[in-house]
Amino acid sequence: MAVTYLMLARLPEGGLGAFDAYEGAVLPLLAEYGGRLERRLRALDDQVEAHLITFHQ
């Protein structure tokens, strides 16, 4: 069985660099927990990012 989540992140002004560093550290860990990043979308103004993540049991 699979479960899919939509994560929305609102990025503070000037916070894009820190968020990119966080993603670089966290996203590779998804596979250890049965997760997979299906889609990642960022708004043109770099203020909101959406992740569609699926976990398989």
C-alpha atoms as a PDB file:
ATOM      1  CA  MET A   1       0.000   0.000   0.000  1.00  0.00           C
ATOM      2  CA  ALA A   2       1.218   3.523  -0.782  1.00  0.00           C
ATOM      3  CA  VAL A   3       0.423   6.832   0.874  1.00  0.00           C
ATOM      4  CA  THR A   4       1.014  10.139  -0.903  1.00  0.00           C
ATOM      5  CA  TYR A   5       1.458  13.487   0.834  1.00  0.00           C
ATOM      6  CA  LEU A   6       1.505  17.019  -0.515  1.00  0.00           C
ATOM      7  CA  MET A   7       3.873  19.256   1.422  1.00  0.00           C
ATOM      8  CA  LEU A   8       3.692  23.028   0.993  1.00  0.00           C
ATOM      9  CA  ALA A   9       6.567  25.136   2.279  1.00  0.00           C
ATOM     10  CA  ARG A  10       6.325  28.913   2.534  1.00  0.00           C
ATOM     11  CA  LEU A  11       9.832  30.307   2.365  1.00  0.00           C
ATOM     12  CA  PRO A  12      10.690  33.520   4.203  1.00  0.00           C
ATOM     13  CA  GLU A  13      12.310  36.367   2.329  1.00  0.00           C
ATOM     14  CA  GLY A  14      15.988  35.476   1.958  1.00  0.00           C
ATOM     15  CA  GLY A  15      15.437  31.891   3.144  1.00  0.00           C
ATOM     16  CA  LEU A  16      15.902  30.110  -0.181  1.00  0.00           C
ATOM     17  CA  GLY A  17      19.549  29.197   0.411  1.00  0.00           C
ATOM     18  CA  ALA A  18      18.839  27.629   3.804  1.00  0.00           C
ATOM     19  CA  PHE A  19      15.857  25.735   2.395  1.00  0.00           C
ATOM     20  CA  ASP A  20      17.932  24.385  -0.501  1.00  0.00           C
ATOM     21  CA  ALA A  21      20.580  23.189   1.987  1.00  0.00           C
ATOM     22  CA  TYR A  22      17.873  21.496   4.081  1.00  0.00           C
ATOM     23  CA  GLU A  23      16.462  19.758   0.995  1.00  0.00           C
ATOM     24  CA  GLY A  24      19.927  18.587   0.011  1.00  0.00           C
ATOM     25  CA  ALA A  25      20.325  16.913   3.395  1.00  0.00           C
ATOM     26  CA  VAL A  26      16.795  15.508   3.823  1.00  0.00           C
ATOM     27  CA  LEU A  27      15.600  14.377   0.397  1.00  0.00           C
ATOM     28  CA  PRO A  28      18.267  11.647   0.035  1.00  0.00           C
ATOM     29  CA  LEU A  29      16.944  10.105   3.285  1.00  0.00           C
ATOM     30  CA  LEU A  30      13.467   9.444   1.858  1.00  0.00           C
ATOM     31  CA  ALA A  31      14.478   6.098   0.341  1.00  0.00           C
ATOM     32  CA  GLU A  32      15.556   4.777   3.756  1.00  0.00           C
ATOM     33  CA  TYR A  33      11.935   5.159   4.881  1.00  0.00           C
ATOM     34  CA  GLY A  34      10.259   3.890   1.722  1.00  0.00           C
ATOM     35  CA  GLY A  35       9.689   7.384   0.380  1.00  0.00           C
ATOM     36  CA  ARG A  36      10.075   8.859  -3.050  1.00  0.00           C
ATOM     37  CA  LEU A  37       9.842  12.457  -4.229  1.00  0.00           C
ATOM     38  CA  GLU A  38       7.346  12.332  -7.082  1.00  0.00           C
ATOM     39  CA  ARG A  39       7.288  16.009  -7.989  1.00  0.00           C
ATOM     40  CA  ARG A  40       8.767  19.266  -6.741  1.00  0.00           C
ATOM     41  CA  LEU A  41       7.467  22.634  -7.869  1.00  0.00           C
ATOM     42  CA  ARG A  42       8.589  26.110  -6.854  1.00  0.00           C
ATOM     43  CA  ALA A  43       6.657  29.346  -7.414  1.00  0.00           C
ATOM     44  CA  LEU A  44       8.268  31.874  -9.730  1.00  0.00           C
ATOM     45  CA  ASP A  45       8.813  34.265  -6.802  1.00  0.00           C
ATOM     46  CA  ASP A  46      10.707  31.556  -4.798  1.00  0.00           C
ATOM     47  CA  GLN A  47       8.316  32.033  -1.864  1.00  0.00           C
ATOM     48  CA  VAL A  48       6.412  28.698  -2.000  1.00  0.00           C
ATOM     49  CA  GLU A  49       7.516  25.174  -2.844  1.00  0.00           C
ATOM     50  CA  ALA A  50       5.345  22.059  -3.168  1.00  0.00           C
ATOM     51  CA  HIS A  51       6.519  18.469  -2.833  1.00  0.00           C
ATOM     52  CA  LEU A  52       4.491  15.404  -3.746  1.00  0.00           C
ATOM     53  CA  ILE A  53       5.983  12.513  -1.748  1.00  0.00           C
ATOM     54  CA  THR A  54       4.882   8.861  -1.800  1.00  0.00           C
ATOM     55  CA  PHE A  55       5.726   6.289   0.881  1.00  0.00           C
ATOM     56  CA  HIS A  56       5.452   2.557   0.154  1.00  0.00           C
ATOM     57  CA  GLN A  57       5.090  -0.026   2.899  1.00  0.00           C
END
